[in-house]
N, C-alpha and C. Protein backbone atom coordinates (compact mmCIF):
# COMPACT_ATOMS: atom_id res chain seq x y z
N MET A 1 0.84 -1.16 0.00
CA MET A 1 0.00 0.00 0.00
C MET A 1 0.89 1.24 0.00
N SER A 2 0.45 2.26 -0.67
CA SER A 2 1.23 3.49 -0.77
C SER A 2 0.37 4.68 -0.38
N LEU A 3 0.94 5.55 0.42
CA LEU A 3 0.26 6.78 0.81
C LEU A 3 0.90 7.92 0.03
N LYS A 4 0.09 8.73 -0.62
CA LYS A 4 0.59 9.84 -1.41
C LYS A 4 -0.05 11.12 -0.89
N ILE A 5 0.77 12.13 -0.61
CA ILE A 5 0.26 13.39 -0.09
C ILE A 5 0.66 14.50 -1.05
N GLU A 6 -0.31 15.25 -1.50
CA GLU A 6 -0.07 16.41 -2.35
C GLU A 6 0.16 17.60 -1.43
N LEU A 7 1.39 18.09 -1.36
CA LEU A 7 1.71 19.17 -0.45
C LEU A 7 1.05 20.48 -0.83
N VAL A 8 0.83 20.70 -2.10
CA VAL A 8 0.20 21.94 -2.55
C VAL A 8 -1.26 21.99 -2.13
N SER A 9 -1.97 20.89 -2.30
CA SER A 9 -3.40 20.87 -2.00
C SER A 9 -3.72 20.22 -0.65
N SER A 10 -2.74 19.63 0.00
CA SER A 10 -2.91 18.92 1.28
C SER A 10 -3.86 17.74 1.17
N GLU A 11 -4.02 17.19 0.00
CA GLU A 11 -4.88 16.01 -0.16
C GLU A 11 -4.06 14.74 0.04
N THR A 12 -4.69 13.76 0.64
CA THR A 12 -4.05 12.47 0.87
C THR A 12 -4.71 11.44 -0.03
N GLU A 13 -3.88 10.63 -0.68
CA GLU A 13 -4.37 9.58 -1.56
C GLU A 13 -3.77 8.26 -1.09
N LEU A 14 -4.48 7.19 -1.33
CA LEU A 14 -4.03 5.87 -0.91
C LEU A 14 -4.20 4.90 -2.08
N TYR A 15 -3.12 4.15 -2.38
CA TYR A 15 -3.15 3.21 -3.50
C TYR A 15 -2.53 1.88 -3.08
N ARG A 16 -3.00 0.81 -3.69
CA ARG A 16 -2.35 -0.50 -3.58
C ARG A 16 -1.50 -0.65 -4.83
N LEU A 17 -0.25 -0.28 -4.71
CA LEU A 17 0.62 -0.23 -5.89
C LEU A 17 0.85 -1.59 -6.52
N ALA A 18 0.78 -2.65 -5.74
CA ALA A 18 0.96 -3.99 -6.32
C ALA A 18 -0.14 -4.30 -7.32
N GLU A 19 -1.31 -3.70 -7.11
CA GLU A 19 -2.46 -3.94 -8.00
C GLU A 19 -2.78 -2.74 -8.89
N ASP A 20 -2.26 -1.57 -8.55
CA ASP A 20 -2.65 -0.33 -9.23
C ASP A 20 -1.41 0.55 -9.46
N VAL A 21 -0.51 0.06 -10.30
CA VAL A 21 0.74 0.76 -10.54
C VAL A 21 0.51 2.17 -11.12
N GLY A 22 -0.53 2.34 -11.88
CA GLY A 22 -0.82 3.63 -12.50
C GLY A 22 -1.52 4.62 -11.57
N GLU A 23 -1.72 4.24 -10.32
CA GLU A 23 -2.37 5.09 -9.31
C GLU A 23 -3.69 5.67 -9.85
N ARG A 24 -4.58 4.79 -10.28
CA ARG A 24 -5.87 5.21 -10.84
C ARG A 24 -7.03 5.04 -9.87
N ASN A 25 -6.85 4.20 -8.83
CA ASN A 25 -7.95 3.90 -7.91
C ASN A 25 -7.57 4.38 -6.50
N ASP A 26 -7.93 5.62 -6.17
CA ASP A 26 -7.64 6.21 -4.87
C ASP A 26 -8.53 5.58 -3.81
N LEU A 27 -7.93 4.94 -2.83
CA LEU A 27 -8.66 4.23 -1.78
C LEU A 27 -8.81 5.04 -0.49
N ALA A 28 -8.37 6.27 -0.47
CA ALA A 28 -8.37 7.07 0.77
C ALA A 28 -9.76 7.19 1.38
N LYS A 29 -10.77 7.41 0.57
CA LYS A 29 -12.13 7.56 1.10
C LYS A 29 -12.76 6.21 1.44
N LYS A 30 -12.36 5.17 0.72
CA LYS A 30 -12.89 3.83 0.99
C LYS A 30 -12.25 3.18 2.21
N GLU A 31 -11.02 3.60 2.52
CA GLU A 31 -10.28 3.02 3.64
C GLU A 31 -9.72 4.14 4.53
N PRO A 32 -10.59 4.93 5.15
CA PRO A 32 -10.12 6.08 5.94
C PRO A 32 -9.28 5.67 7.16
N LYS A 33 -9.58 4.54 7.76
CA LYS A 33 -8.81 4.09 8.92
C LYS A 33 -7.36 3.80 8.52
N LYS A 34 -7.17 3.10 7.42
CA LYS A 34 -5.82 2.78 6.95
C LYS A 34 -5.10 4.05 6.52
N THR A 35 -5.82 4.97 5.89
CA THR A 35 -5.24 6.24 5.47
C THR A 35 -4.73 7.01 6.69
N ARG A 36 -5.55 7.11 7.74
CA ARG A 36 -5.14 7.82 8.97
C ARG A 36 -3.94 7.13 9.62
N GLU A 37 -3.98 5.80 9.66
CA GLU A 37 -2.88 5.03 10.26
C GLU A 37 -1.56 5.31 9.55
N LEU A 38 -1.58 5.26 8.23
CA LEU A 38 -0.35 5.50 7.47
C LEU A 38 0.12 6.95 7.59
N LEU A 39 -0.81 7.88 7.62
CA LEU A 39 -0.47 9.29 7.77
C LEU A 39 0.15 9.54 9.16
N GLN A 40 -0.40 8.92 10.18
CA GLN A 40 0.17 9.05 11.53
C GLN A 40 1.58 8.47 11.58
N THR A 41 1.78 7.33 10.93
CA THR A 41 3.11 6.71 10.88
C THR A 41 4.09 7.64 10.17
N LEU A 42 3.67 8.22 9.07
CA LEU A 42 4.52 9.14 8.32
C LEU A 42 4.86 10.37 9.16
N ASN A 43 3.85 10.96 9.82
CA ASN A 43 4.09 12.14 10.64
C ASN A 43 5.03 11.85 11.79
N LYS A 44 4.90 10.67 12.39
CA LYS A 44 5.80 10.26 13.47
C LYS A 44 7.23 10.15 12.95
N TRP A 45 7.40 9.54 11.78
CA TRP A 45 8.72 9.38 11.19
C TRP A 45 9.33 10.75 10.87
N VAL A 46 8.54 11.66 10.32
CA VAL A 46 9.03 13.01 10.00
C VAL A 46 9.51 13.71 11.27
N LYS A 47 8.73 13.59 12.33
CA LYS A 47 9.08 14.23 13.60
C LYS A 47 10.36 13.64 14.18
N GLU A 48 10.48 12.32 14.14
CA GLU A 48 11.64 11.64 14.71
C GLU A 48 12.91 11.89 13.93
N THR A 49 12.80 12.02 12.62
CA THR A 49 14.01 12.16 11.79
C THR A 49 14.31 13.60 11.40
N GLY A 50 13.34 14.49 11.60
CA GLY A 50 13.54 15.88 11.20
C GLY A 50 13.42 16.08 9.70
N ARG A 51 12.91 15.08 9.00
CA ARG A 51 12.72 15.17 7.55
C ARG A 51 11.54 16.05 7.22
N LYS A 52 11.55 16.58 6.02
CA LYS A 52 10.44 17.43 5.55
C LYS A 52 9.97 16.97 4.20
C-alpha cells in the first residue's frame, strides 16, 4: 500500500501499488482508517528524523 500526499493541496491519496501501478484507484475515502494510520506513521517518522 502506498500513501501519497499532495503538499500543494494537502490532499491524501491511498493506492495498492501492487495492484494499481498507475495510481488510478484512490482508496483514501474507501479506507479512511488505513489512510489515517499511514499518515500518523509518516508524521511520526518526519518528527523523529527531522525530515520534511
